[in-house]
């Protein structure tokens, strides 16, 4: 018998056939930088900044020439740019000194980098290296809990729950499907429940319908 998580996966897959990573990058290194920049920022705003940034500084060696203040100046259009610049500056040096300039391929090693949490590490693993992981951003956290797929009160707990509910080969796409759904239909404020493709199996919708 198909589980609720698998039903949601199939319905969202049919609704969003083009769901994919919204960040533009040409290498694992660029993806790491972009994902660090994307915290509390839109993919669109990150891509706008990195389009020129990666043309001038495409790799670790070129990035290492930048001072922390120069990084700040180049990403100042993005929220929390001062803190992000500080973390990126530190991360570049750890990447050079500890990992010989190569983006590591394990969750533990990635999370040892300054400014890299589990969500960022998971994005790099699954997008750059096709290593199964389940990144949980604000959209995934909200949508999974609202639908009734997860009950954890932290992103890490939700990630653990979702990895138990779906086979590994579905983790990557499910992450993107939930993000797309969260941006278009299951928004934080005033979700469009009436036009939602999964409202019949959504816990939030059932509660809302009872109140009405």
N, C-alpha and C. Protein backbone atom coordinates (compact mmCIF):
# COMPACT_ATOMS: atom_id res chain seq x y z
N UNK A 1 0.84 -1.20 0.00
CA UNK A 1 0.00 0.00 0.00
C UNK A 1 0.88 1.26 0.00
N UNK A 2 0.52 2.22 -0.82
CA UNK A 2 1.30 3.44 -0.95
C UNK A 2 1.15 4.32 0.30
N UNK A 3 2.26 4.83 0.80
CA UNK A 3 2.22 5.69 1.98
C UNK A 3 1.78 7.10 1.59
N UNK A 4 1.44 7.88 2.59
CA UNK A 4 1.03 9.26 2.34
C UNK A 4 2.16 10.05 1.68
N UNK A 5 3.38 9.84 2.14
CA UNK A 5 4.52 10.55 1.57
C UNK A 5 4.68 10.22 0.09
N UNK A 6 4.49 8.96 -0.27
CA UNK A 6 4.62 8.56 -1.67
C UNK A 6 3.48 9.10 -2.52
N UNK A 7 2.29 9.20 -1.94
CA UNK A 7 1.16 9.80 -2.66
C UNK A 7 1.44 11.27 -2.94
N UNK A 8 1.94 11.97 -1.92
CA UNK A 8 2.28 13.39 -2.09
C UNK A 8 3.36 13.54 -3.16
N UNK A 9 4.34 12.68 -3.12
CA UNK A 9 5.43 12.70 -4.11
C UNK A 9 4.87 12.57 -5.53
N UNK A 10 4.01 11.60 -5.75
CA UNK A 10 3.45 11.36 -7.09
C UNK A 10 2.59 12.53 -7.57
N UNK A 11 1.77 13.07 -6.67
CA UNK A 11 0.88 14.17 -7.04
C UNK A 11 1.68 15.44 -7.36
N UNK A 12 2.69 15.73 -6.54
CA UNK A 12 3.50 16.92 -6.77
C UNK A 12 4.38 16.76 -8.01
N UNK A 13 4.85 15.56 -8.25
CA UNK A 13 5.67 15.30 -9.43
C UNK A 13 4.86 15.56 -10.71
N UNK A 14 3.59 15.18 -10.68
CA UNK A 14 2.72 15.43 -11.83
C UNK A 14 2.42 16.93 -11.98
N UNK A 15 2.33 17.62 -10.84
CA UNK A 15 1.99 19.05 -10.86
C UNK A 15 3.19 19.92 -11.26
N UNK A 16 4.39 19.49 -10.90
CA UNK A 16 5.59 20.29 -11.15
C UNK A 16 6.66 19.48 -11.88
N UNK A 17 6.46 19.19 -13.15
CA UNK A 17 7.41 18.34 -13.88
C UNK A 17 8.79 18.97 -14.07
N UNK A 18 8.89 20.28 -13.88
CA UNK A 18 10.17 20.96 -14.10
C UNK A 18 10.87 21.37 -12.81
N UNK A 19 10.41 20.85 -11.68
CA UNK A 19 11.01 21.22 -10.39
C UNK A 19 12.49 20.85 -10.36
N UNK A 20 13.33 21.80 -9.98
CA UNK A 20 14.79 21.56 -9.93
C UNK A 20 15.43 22.63 -9.08
N UNK A 21 16.74 22.52 -8.90
CA UNK A 21 17.50 23.51 -8.15
C UNK A 21 17.42 24.86 -8.85
N UNK A 22 17.15 25.91 -8.09
CA UNK A 22 17.00 27.25 -8.69
C UNK A 22 18.28 28.06 -8.71
N UNK A 23 19.37 27.51 -8.17
CA UNK A 23 20.64 28.24 -8.14
C UNK A 23 21.45 27.94 -9.40
N UNK A 24 22.12 28.97 -9.91
CA UNK A 24 22.98 28.80 -11.09
C UNK A 24 24.43 28.58 -10.64
N UNK A 25 25.07 27.55 -11.16
CA UNK A 25 26.45 27.24 -10.77
C UNK A 25 27.08 26.33 -11.82
N UNK A 26 28.41 26.33 -11.84
CA UNK A 26 29.14 25.50 -12.80
C UNK A 26 30.07 24.49 -12.13
N UNK A 27 30.11 24.49 -10.81
CA UNK A 27 31.02 23.57 -10.11
C UNK A 27 30.53 23.38 -8.68
N UNK A 28 30.98 22.33 -8.01
CA UNK A 28 30.63 22.13 -6.60
C UNK A 28 31.02 23.33 -5.74
N UNK A 29 32.15 23.95 -6.05
CA UNK A 29 32.60 25.13 -5.30
C UNK A 29 31.60 26.27 -5.44
N UNK A 30 31.18 26.54 -6.66
CA UNK A 30 30.21 27.63 -6.88
C UNK A 30 28.88 27.32 -6.20
N UNK A 31 28.47 26.06 -6.25
CA UNK A 31 27.22 25.68 -5.58
C UNK A 31 27.34 25.90 -4.07
N UNK A 32 28.48 25.57 -3.49
CA UNK A 32 28.69 25.78 -2.07
C UNK A 32 28.55 27.26 -1.71
N UNK A 33 29.19 28.13 -2.48
CA UNK A 33 29.09 29.57 -2.24
C UNK A 33 27.65 30.04 -2.39
N UNK A 34 26.99 29.63 -3.47
CA UNK A 34 25.61 30.07 -3.72
C UNK A 34 24.66 29.61 -2.62
N UNK A 35 24.84 28.38 -2.15
CA UNK A 35 23.96 27.86 -1.11
C UNK A 35 24.19 28.60 0.21
N UNK A 36 25.43 28.94 0.50
CA UNK A 36 25.71 29.75 1.69
C UNK A 36 25.05 31.12 1.57
N UNK A 37 25.04 31.68 0.39
CA UNK A 37 24.43 32.99 0.17
C UNK A 37 22.90 32.93 0.23
N UNK A 38 22.33 31.76 -0.03
CA UNK A 38 20.88 31.65 -0.19
C UNK A 38 20.10 31.65 1.12
N UNK A 39 20.79 31.55 2.26
CA UNK A 39 20.09 31.56 3.54
C UNK A 39 19.33 32.87 3.70
N UNK A 40 18.02 32.75 3.93
CA UNK A 40 17.14 33.91 4.08
C UNK A 40 17.24 34.88 2.90
N UNK A 41 17.44 34.30 1.72
CA UNK A 41 17.47 35.08 0.47
C UNK A 41 16.87 34.23 -0.63
N UNK A 42 16.37 34.86 -1.67
CA UNK A 42 15.79 34.10 -2.78
C UNK A 42 16.87 33.63 -3.74
N UNK A 43 16.59 32.53 -4.42
CA UNK A 43 17.53 32.04 -5.44
C UNK A 43 17.77 33.10 -6.50
N UNK A 44 16.70 33.84 -6.84
CA UNK A 44 16.80 34.87 -7.87
C UNK A 44 17.80 35.95 -7.47
N UNK A 45 17.74 36.38 -6.22
CA UNK A 45 18.65 37.43 -5.76
C UNK A 45 20.09 36.93 -5.71
N UNK A 46 20.26 35.65 -5.35
CA UNK A 46 21.59 35.06 -5.31
C UNK A 46 22.16 34.96 -6.73
N UNK A 47 21.36 34.48 -7.66
CA UNK A 47 21.83 34.33 -9.05
C UNK A 47 22.20 35.68 -9.67
N UNK A 48 21.48 36.71 -9.27
CA UNK A 48 21.75 38.06 -9.80
C UNK A 48 23.15 38.51 -9.38
N UNK A 49 23.51 38.21 -8.14
CA UNK A 49 24.82 38.59 -7.62
C UNK A 49 25.93 37.70 -8.17
N UNK A 50 25.67 36.40 -8.23
CA UNK A 50 26.74 35.46 -8.60
C UNK A 50 27.02 35.42 -10.10
N UNK A 51 26.12 35.92 -10.91
CA UNK A 51 26.34 35.90 -12.37
C UNK A 51 27.65 36.60 -12.71
N UNK A 52 27.84 37.81 -12.21
CA UNK A 52 29.08 38.55 -12.47
C UNK A 52 30.22 38.07 -11.56
N UNK A 53 29.86 37.71 -10.33
CA UNK A 53 30.85 37.28 -9.36
C UNK A 53 31.64 36.07 -9.87
N UNK A 54 30.93 35.08 -10.41
CA UNK A 54 31.60 33.86 -10.87
C UNK A 54 32.36 34.06 -12.18
N UNK A 55 32.01 35.10 -12.92
CA UNK A 55 32.78 35.41 -14.13
C UNK A 55 34.16 35.94 -13.74
N UNK A 56 34.20 36.74 -12.69
CA UNK A 56 35.45 37.34 -12.23
C UNK A 56 36.24 36.39 -11.32
N UNK A 57 35.50 35.62 -10.51
CA UNK A 57 36.12 34.74 -9.52
C UNK A 57 35.47 33.35 -9.60
N UNK A 58 35.87 32.56 -10.59
CA UNK A 58 35.18 31.29 -10.84
C UNK A 58 35.54 30.13 -9.93
N UNK A 59 36.67 30.27 -9.20
CA UNK A 59 37.14 29.11 -8.42
C UNK A 59 37.76 29.55 -7.09
N UNK A 60 38.20 28.57 -6.34
CA UNK A 60 38.77 28.85 -5.02
C UNK A 60 39.99 29.77 -5.10
N UNK A 61 40.90 29.50 -6.00
CA UNK A 61 42.12 30.30 -6.09
C UNK A 61 41.82 31.78 -6.31
N UNK A 62 40.87 32.07 -7.17
CA UNK A 62 40.54 33.47 -7.44
C UNK A 62 39.78 34.09 -6.26
N UNK A 63 38.93 33.32 -5.60
CA UNK A 63 38.20 33.82 -4.43
C UNK A 63 39.15 34.15 -3.27
N UNK A 64 40.21 33.36 -3.15
CA UNK A 64 41.16 33.57 -2.05
C UNK A 64 41.88 34.91 -2.14
N UNK A 65 41.86 35.54 -3.29
CA UNK A 65 42.50 36.84 -3.46
C UNK A 65 41.67 37.98 -2.87
N UNK A 66 40.39 37.67 -2.57
CA UNK A 66 39.48 38.69 -2.04
C UNK A 66 39.61 38.83 -0.53
N UNK A 67 39.61 40.06 -0.05
CA UNK A 67 39.55 40.30 1.39
C UNK A 67 38.11 40.13 1.85
N UNK A 68 37.92 40.03 3.16
CA UNK A 68 36.55 39.90 3.68
C UNK A 68 35.72 41.12 3.29
N UNK A 69 36.33 42.29 3.33
CA UNK A 69 35.62 43.53 2.97
C UNK A 69 35.24 43.54 1.49
N UNK A 70 36.09 42.99 0.66
CA UNK A 70 35.78 42.93 -0.78
C UNK A 70 34.64 41.95 -1.04
N UNK A 71 34.63 40.85 -0.32
CA UNK A 71 33.51 39.91 -0.46
C UNK A 71 32.22 40.60 -0.03
N UNK A 72 32.27 41.32 1.08
CA UNK A 72 31.10 42.07 1.56
C UNK A 72 30.56 42.96 0.46
N UNK A 73 31.45 43.71 -0.17
CA UNK A 73 31.05 44.68 -1.19
C UNK A 73 30.38 43.99 -2.38
N UNK A 74 30.87 42.81 -2.72
CA UNK A 74 30.35 42.12 -3.90
C UNK A 74 29.03 41.40 -3.65
N UNK A 75 28.69 41.15 -2.38
CA UNK A 75 27.44 40.44 -2.08
C UNK A 75 26.47 41.29 -1.25
N UNK A 76 26.74 42.59 -1.17
CA UNK A 76 25.98 43.44 -0.25
C UNK A 76 24.49 43.54 -0.61
N UNK A 77 24.11 43.17 -1.84
CA UNK A 77 22.69 43.18 -2.23
C UNK A 77 21.90 42.06 -1.56
N UNK A 78 22.61 41.09 -0.97
CA UNK A 78 21.97 39.93 -0.35
C UNK A 78 21.87 40.14 1.16
N UNK A 79 20.77 39.72 1.73
CA UNK A 79 20.56 39.85 3.17
C UNK A 79 21.64 39.17 3.98
N UNK A 80 21.94 39.75 5.15
CA UNK A 80 22.96 39.21 6.08
C UNK A 80 24.33 39.14 5.42
N UNK A 81 24.61 40.08 4.52
CA UNK A 81 25.83 39.98 3.71
C UNK A 81 27.11 40.06 4.54
N UNK A 82 27.10 40.81 5.63
CA UNK A 82 28.32 40.93 6.44
C UNK A 82 28.69 39.58 7.08
N UNK A 83 27.70 38.93 7.67
CA UNK A 83 27.94 37.64 8.31
C UNK A 83 28.29 36.57 7.27
N UNK A 84 27.62 36.62 6.12
CA UNK A 84 27.90 35.65 5.06
C UNK A 84 29.31 35.84 4.51
N UNK A 85 29.73 37.10 4.36
CA UNK A 85 31.07 37.38 3.86
C UNK A 85 32.13 36.86 4.84
N UNK A 86 31.87 37.03 6.14
CA UNK A 86 32.81 36.55 7.16
C UNK A 86 32.93 35.03 7.09
N UNK A 87 31.79 34.35 6.97
CA UNK A 87 31.81 32.88 6.91
C UNK A 87 32.48 32.38 5.63
N UNK A 88 32.18 33.03 4.52
CA UNK A 88 32.79 32.62 3.24
C UNK A 88 34.29 32.81 3.29
N UNK A 89 34.73 33.94 3.82
CA UNK A 89 36.17 34.22 3.93
C UNK A 89 36.88 33.13 4.73
N UNK A 90 36.29 32.75 5.85
CA UNK A 90 36.88 31.69 6.69
C UNK A 90 36.80 30.32 6.00
N UNK A 91 35.65 30.07 5.37
CA UNK A 91 35.44 28.78 4.71
C UNK A 91 36.46 28.54 3.61
N UNK A 92 36.78 29.58 2.85
CA UNK A 92 37.74 29.45 1.75
C UNK A 92 39.08 28.94 2.24
N UNK A 93 39.49 29.43 3.39
CA UNK A 93 40.80 29.05 3.94
C UNK A 93 40.81 27.64 4.51
N UNK A 94 39.69 27.25 5.11
CA UNK A 94 39.59 25.87 5.60
C UNK A 94 39.56 24.90 4.41
N UNK A 95 38.85 25.29 3.37
CA UNK A 95 38.79 24.46 2.16
C UNK A 95 40.19 24.26 1.58
N UNK A 96 40.97 25.32 1.58
CA UNK A 96 42.35 25.25 1.06
C UNK A 96 43.25 24.42 1.98
N UNK A 97 43.20 24.71 3.26
CA UNK A 97 44.17 24.12 4.20
C UNK A 97 43.82 22.70 4.65
N UNK A 98 42.54 22.43 4.85
CA UNK A 98 42.13 21.13 5.37
C UNK A 98 41.73 20.14 4.28
N UNK A 99 41.19 20.66 3.18
CA UNK A 99 40.65 19.77 2.15
C UNK A 99 41.35 19.91 0.79
N UNK A 100 42.53 20.52 0.80
CA UNK A 100 43.36 20.64 -0.42
C UNK A 100 42.60 21.30 -1.57
N UNK A 101 41.69 22.21 -1.22
CA UNK A 101 40.98 22.98 -2.23
C UNK A 101 39.78 22.28 -2.85
N UNK A 102 39.47 21.08 -2.37
CA UNK A 102 38.36 20.31 -2.94
C UNK A 102 37.15 20.34 -2.01
N UNK A 103 35.98 20.55 -2.57
CA UNK A 103 34.75 20.51 -1.78
C UNK A 103 34.55 19.08 -1.30
N UNK A 104 34.47 18.88 0.02
CA UNK A 104 34.33 17.51 0.54
C UNK A 104 33.00 16.86 0.16
N UNK A 105 32.99 15.52 0.20
CA UNK A 105 31.82 14.77 -0.25
C UNK A 105 31.13 14.02 0.89
N UNK A 106 31.33 14.48 2.13
CA UNK A 106 30.61 13.86 3.25
C UNK A 106 29.91 14.95 4.05
N UNK A 107 28.80 14.59 4.66
CA UNK A 107 28.02 15.55 5.45
C UNK A 107 28.86 16.11 6.58
N UNK A 108 29.58 15.23 7.27
CA UNK A 108 30.38 15.64 8.41
C UNK A 108 31.46 16.64 8.00
N UNK A 109 32.18 16.35 6.92
CA UNK A 109 33.24 17.24 6.46
C UNK A 109 32.69 18.58 6.00
N UNK A 110 31.59 18.54 5.27
CA UNK A 110 30.98 19.79 4.81
C UNK A 110 30.53 20.65 5.99
N UNK A 111 29.96 20.01 7.00
CA UNK A 111 29.47 20.76 8.17
C UNK A 111 30.60 21.26 9.06
N UNK A 112 31.82 20.80 8.80
CA UNK A 112 32.97 21.32 9.54
C UNK A 112 33.45 22.65 8.97
N UNK A 113 32.93 23.02 7.81
CA UNK A 113 33.30 24.29 7.18
C UNK A 113 32.55 25.44 7.86
N UNK A 114 33.21 26.57 8.09
CA UNK A 114 32.54 27.73 8.70
C UNK A 114 31.30 28.15 7.90
N UNK A 115 30.19 28.36 8.59
CA UNK A 115 28.98 28.85 7.94
C UNK A 115 28.18 27.80 7.21
N UNK A 116 28.58 26.54 7.32
CA UNK A 116 27.87 25.46 6.61
C UNK A 116 27.13 24.57 7.61
N UNK A 117 25.80 24.64 7.56
CA UNK A 117 24.97 23.79 8.39
C UNK A 117 24.50 22.58 7.62
N UNK A 118 23.62 21.82 8.23
CA UNK A 118 23.19 20.58 7.60
C UNK A 118 22.43 20.81 6.29
N UNK A 119 21.63 21.86 6.25
CA UNK A 119 20.86 22.12 5.02
C UNK A 119 21.78 22.43 3.86
N UNK A 120 22.73 23.34 4.08
CA UNK A 120 23.68 23.69 3.02
C UNK A 120 24.51 22.48 2.60
N UNK A 121 24.99 21.73 3.58
CA UNK A 121 25.78 20.53 3.28
C UNK A 121 24.97 19.53 2.47
N UNK A 122 23.70 19.36 2.84
CA UNK A 122 22.84 18.40 2.14
C UNK A 122 22.59 18.82 0.69
N UNK A 123 22.41 20.13 0.47
CA UNK A 123 22.21 20.64 -0.89
C UNK A 123 23.43 20.32 -1.75
N UNK A 124 24.61 20.58 -1.21
CA UNK A 124 25.85 20.32 -1.97
C UNK A 124 25.99 18.83 -2.27
N UNK A 125 25.72 17.99 -1.30
CA UNK A 125 25.84 16.55 -1.51
C UNK A 125 24.94 16.07 -2.64
N UNK A 126 23.68 16.44 -2.56
CA UNK A 126 22.70 15.90 -3.50
C UNK A 126 22.80 16.55 -4.88
N UNK A 127 23.07 17.86 -4.93
CA UNK A 127 23.10 18.56 -6.22
C UNK A 127 24.43 18.39 -6.94
N UNK A 128 25.53 18.52 -6.20
CA UNK A 128 26.84 18.48 -6.84
C UNK A 128 27.38 17.07 -7.04
N UNK A 129 27.05 16.18 -6.09
CA UNK A 129 27.66 14.85 -6.12
C UNK A 129 26.65 13.70 -6.24
N UNK A 130 25.37 14.03 -6.31
CA UNK A 130 24.32 13.00 -6.42
C UNK A 130 24.39 11.99 -5.29
N UNK A 131 24.75 12.46 -4.10
CA UNK A 131 24.77 11.63 -2.90
C UNK A 131 23.48 11.87 -2.14
N UNK A 132 22.70 10.82 -1.85
CA UNK A 132 21.38 11.01 -1.23
C UNK A 132 21.42 11.84 0.06
N UNK A 133 20.55 12.83 0.12
CA UNK A 133 20.40 13.68 1.30
C UNK A 133 19.03 14.33 1.19
N UNK A 134 18.54 14.88 2.29
CA UNK A 134 17.24 15.55 2.23
C UNK A 134 17.34 16.94 2.88
N UNK A 135 17.68 17.95 2.07
CA UNK A 135 17.81 19.31 2.61
C UNK A 135 16.44 19.85 3.03
N UNK A 136 16.41 20.53 4.16
CA UNK A 136 15.16 21.13 4.63
C UNK A 136 15.36 22.63 4.81
N UNK A 137 14.75 23.40 3.92
CA UNK A 137 14.76 24.85 4.07
C UNK A 137 13.44 25.29 4.66
N UNK A 138 13.18 26.58 4.68
CA UNK A 138 11.97 27.10 5.31
C UNK A 138 10.70 26.60 4.63
N UNK A 139 10.73 26.43 3.30
CA UNK A 139 9.55 25.94 2.58
C UNK A 139 9.28 24.47 2.90
N UNK A 140 10.33 23.66 2.83
CA UNK A 140 10.18 22.23 3.11
C UNK A 140 9.72 22.01 4.55
N UNK A 141 10.28 22.77 5.47
CA UNK A 141 9.90 22.67 6.88
C UNK A 141 8.41 22.97 7.07
N UNK A 142 7.96 24.07 6.48
CA UNK A 142 6.56 24.48 6.61
C UNK A 142 5.61 23.50 5.94
N UNK A 143 5.90 23.13 4.71
CA UNK A 143 4.97 22.32 3.91
C UNK A 143 4.84 20.89 4.47
N UNK A 144 5.96 20.28 4.84
CA UNK A 144 5.88 18.91 5.36
C UNK A 144 5.06 18.84 6.65
N UNK A 145 5.25 19.83 7.51
CA UNK A 145 4.52 19.86 8.79
C UNK A 145 3.04 20.19 8.55
N UNK A 146 2.78 21.08 7.62
CA UNK A 146 1.39 21.48 7.33
C UNK A 146 0.61 20.33 6.70
N UNK A 147 1.24 19.64 5.78
CA UNK A 147 0.58 18.51 5.10
C UNK A 147 0.32 17.36 6.08
N UNK A 148 1.27 17.19 7.01
CA UNK A 148 1.17 16.09 7.95
C UNK A 148 2.16 14.97 7.64
N UNK A 149 3.24 15.33 6.94
CA UNK A 149 4.27 14.34 6.61
C UNK A 149 5.33 14.27 7.70
N UNK A 150 5.47 15.35 8.45
CA UNK A 150 6.49 15.41 9.50
C UNK A 150 5.96 16.23 10.67
N UNK A 151 6.51 15.95 11.84
CA UNK A 151 6.07 16.68 13.03
C UNK A 151 7.21 17.30 13.81
N UNK A 152 8.43 17.10 13.33
CA UNK A 152 9.60 17.61 14.04
C UNK A 152 9.59 19.11 14.18
N UNK A 153 10.16 19.60 15.28
CA UNK A 153 10.17 21.04 15.52
C UNK A 153 11.47 21.71 15.10
N UNK A 154 12.35 20.96 14.43
CA UNK A 154 13.56 21.53 13.85
C UNK A 154 13.72 20.99 12.44
N UNK A 155 14.51 21.71 11.63
CA UNK A 155 14.75 21.27 10.26
C UNK A 155 15.45 19.91 10.23
N UNK A 156 16.37 19.69 11.15
CA UNK A 156 17.09 18.41 11.19
C UNK A 156 16.15 17.25 11.48
N UNK A 157 15.21 17.45 12.41
CA UNK A 157 14.26 16.39 12.74
C UNK A 157 13.33 16.10 11.57
N UNK A 158 12.91 17.14 10.88
CA UNK A 158 12.05 16.95 9.70
C UNK A 158 12.82 16.18 8.62
N UNK A 159 14.09 16.52 8.43
CA UNK A 159 14.92 15.82 7.46
C UNK A 159 15.00 14.34 7.80
N UNK A 160 15.24 14.03 9.07
CA UNK A 160 15.31 12.62 9.51
C UNK A 160 13.99 11.89 9.25
N UNK A 161 12.88 12.56 9.53
CA UNK A 161 11.56 11.94 9.33
C UNK A 161 11.31 11.65 7.86
N UNK A 162 11.62 12.62 7.01
CA UNK A 162 11.35 12.46 5.58
C UNK A 162 12.22 11.37 4.96
N UNK A 163 13.43 11.22 5.46
CA UNK A 163 14.30 10.17 4.93
C UNK A 163 13.81 8.77 5.33
N UNK A 164 13.04 8.70 6.39
CA UNK A 164 12.45 7.42 6.79
C UNK A 164 11.18 7.12 5.99
N UNK A 165 10.53 8.16 5.53
CA UNK A 165 9.23 7.99 4.86
C UNK A 165 9.31 7.75 3.36
N UNK A 166 10.46 8.04 2.78
CA UNK A 166 10.62 7.87 1.34
C UNK A 166 11.89 7.09 1.02
N UNK A 167 11.89 6.32 -0.06
CA UNK A 167 13.13 5.65 -0.49
C UNK A 167 14.16 6.69 -0.93
N UNK A 168 15.42 6.35 -0.81
CA UNK A 168 16.50 7.30 -1.07
C UNK A 168 16.41 7.97 -2.44
N UNK A 169 16.02 7.19 -3.45
CA UNK A 169 16.03 7.75 -4.79
C UNK A 169 14.97 8.83 -5.01
N UNK A 170 14.06 8.98 -4.05
CA UNK A 170 13.03 10.02 -4.16
C UNK A 170 13.35 11.27 -3.34
N UNK A 171 14.39 11.21 -2.52
CA UNK A 171 14.70 12.34 -1.64
C UNK A 171 14.98 13.63 -2.41
N UNK A 172 15.83 13.52 -3.40
CA UNK A 172 16.29 14.70 -4.14
C UNK A 172 15.12 15.45 -4.78
N UNK A 173 14.34 14.74 -5.58
CA UNK A 173 13.23 15.40 -6.26
C UNK A 173 12.16 15.87 -5.27
N UNK A 174 11.89 15.10 -4.24
CA UNK A 174 10.88 15.50 -3.26
C UNK A 174 11.24 16.84 -2.62
N UNK A 175 12.49 17.03 -2.34
CA UNK A 175 12.98 18.30 -1.80
C UNK A 175 12.58 19.46 -2.71
N UNK A 176 12.82 19.30 -4.02
CA UNK A 176 12.49 20.36 -4.97
C UNK A 176 10.98 20.51 -5.16
N UNK A 177 10.28 19.41 -5.14
CA UNK A 177 8.81 19.47 -5.29
C UNK A 177 8.19 20.25 -4.13
N UNK A 178 8.65 20.00 -2.93
CA UNK A 178 8.11 20.69 -1.76
C UNK A 178 8.44 22.18 -1.78
N UNK A 179 9.64 22.51 -2.23
CA UNK A 179 10.02 23.92 -2.34
C UNK A 179 9.12 24.62 -3.37
N UNK A 180 8.96 24.00 -4.52
CA UNK A 180 8.13 24.59 -5.57
C UNK A 180 6.70 24.76 -5.10
N UNK A 181 6.18 23.75 -4.42
CA UNK A 181 4.81 23.82 -3.91
C UNK A 181 4.68 24.92 -2.84
N UNK A 182 5.70 25.03 -2.00
CA UNK A 182 5.68 26.04 -0.95
C UNK A 182 5.74 27.46 -1.50
N UNK A 183 6.41 27.63 -2.60
CA UNK A 183 6.51 28.96 -3.21
C UNK A 183 5.25 29.34 -3.99
N UNK A 184 4.63 28.35 -4.61
CA UNK A 184 3.52 28.67 -5.51
C UNK A 184 2.13 28.51 -4.89
N UNK A 185 1.93 27.51 -4.07
CA UNK A 185 0.60 27.20 -3.52
C UNK A 185 0.57 27.24 -1.99
N UNK A 186 1.44 26.48 -1.37
CA UNK A 186 1.42 26.34 0.09
C UNK A 186 2.28 27.42 0.74
N UNK A 187 1.92 28.67 0.47
CA UNK A 187 2.69 29.81 0.95
C UNK A 187 2.51 30.00 2.46
N UNK A 188 3.45 30.73 3.06
CA UNK A 188 3.42 30.92 4.51
C UNK A 188 2.14 31.65 4.93
N UNK A 189 1.79 32.68 4.20
CA UNK A 189 0.57 33.43 4.47
C UNK A 189 -0.47 33.12 3.39
N UNK A 190 -1.68 32.91 3.80
CA UNK A 190 -2.81 32.67 2.87
C UNK A 190 -2.53 31.60 1.82
N UNK A 191 -2.26 30.37 2.24
CA UNK A 191 -2.04 29.29 1.27
C UNK A 191 -3.27 29.09 0.39
N UNK A 192 -3.03 28.73 -0.87
CA UNK A 192 -4.11 28.57 -1.85
C UNK A 192 -4.66 27.15 -1.79
N UNK A 193 -5.29 26.81 -0.67
CA UNK A 193 -5.74 25.44 -0.43
C UNK A 193 -6.78 24.96 -1.45
N UNK A 194 -7.61 25.85 -1.92
CA UNK A 194 -8.67 25.48 -2.85
C UNK A 194 -8.15 24.94 -4.16
N UNK A 195 -6.98 25.41 -4.58
CA UNK A 195 -6.42 24.97 -5.86
C UNK A 195 -5.23 24.03 -5.67
N UNK A 196 -5.09 23.50 -4.46
CA UNK A 196 -3.96 22.62 -4.15
C UNK A 196 -4.22 21.20 -4.64
N UNK A 197 -3.25 20.63 -5.31
CA UNK A 197 -3.38 19.30 -5.90
C UNK A 197 -3.37 18.18 -4.86
N UNK A 198 -2.94 18.49 -3.63
CA UNK A 198 -2.89 17.45 -2.60
C UNK A 198 -3.81 17.75 -1.42
N UNK A 199 -4.78 18.65 -1.61
CA UNK A 199 -5.61 19.04 -0.47
C UNK A 199 -6.42 17.88 0.13
N UNK A 200 -6.73 16.89 -0.66
CA UNK A 200 -7.53 15.76 -0.15
C UNK A 200 -6.79 14.91 0.89
N UNK A 201 -5.45 15.00 0.88
CA UNK A 201 -4.69 14.22 1.85
C UNK A 201 -3.85 15.13 2.77
N UNK A 202 -4.23 16.40 2.82
CA UNK A 202 -3.49 17.37 3.61
C UNK A 202 -4.15 17.57 4.98
N UNK A 203 -3.39 17.41 6.04
CA UNK A 203 -3.90 17.56 7.41
C UNK A 203 -4.40 18.98 7.66
N UNK A 204 -3.68 19.96 7.19
CA UNK A 204 -4.05 21.36 7.40
C UNK A 204 -5.38 21.67 6.72
N UNK A 205 -5.54 21.17 5.49
CA UNK A 205 -6.76 21.42 4.74
C UNK A 205 -7.97 20.78 5.43
N UNK A 206 -7.78 19.58 5.94
CA UNK A 206 -8.87 18.89 6.63
C UNK A 206 -9.30 19.68 7.88
N UNK A 207 -8.34 20.18 8.63
CA UNK A 207 -8.66 20.99 9.82
C UNK A 207 -9.35 22.28 9.43
N UNK A 208 -8.88 22.91 8.37
CA UNK A 208 -9.47 24.17 7.91
C UNK A 208 -10.88 23.96 7.44
N UNK A 209 -11.14 22.87 6.71
CA UNK A 209 -12.48 22.57 6.21
C UNK A 209 -13.46 22.32 7.37
N UNK A 210 -12.99 21.69 8.43
CA UNK A 210 -13.85 21.42 9.59
C UNK A 210 -14.27 22.73 10.25
N UNK A 211 -13.36 23.66 10.35
CA UNK A 211 -13.65 24.95 10.98
C UNK A 211 -14.67 25.74 10.17
N UNK A 212 -14.58 25.57 8.86
CA UNK A 212 -15.52 26.29 7.98
C UNK A 212 -16.88 25.61 7.96
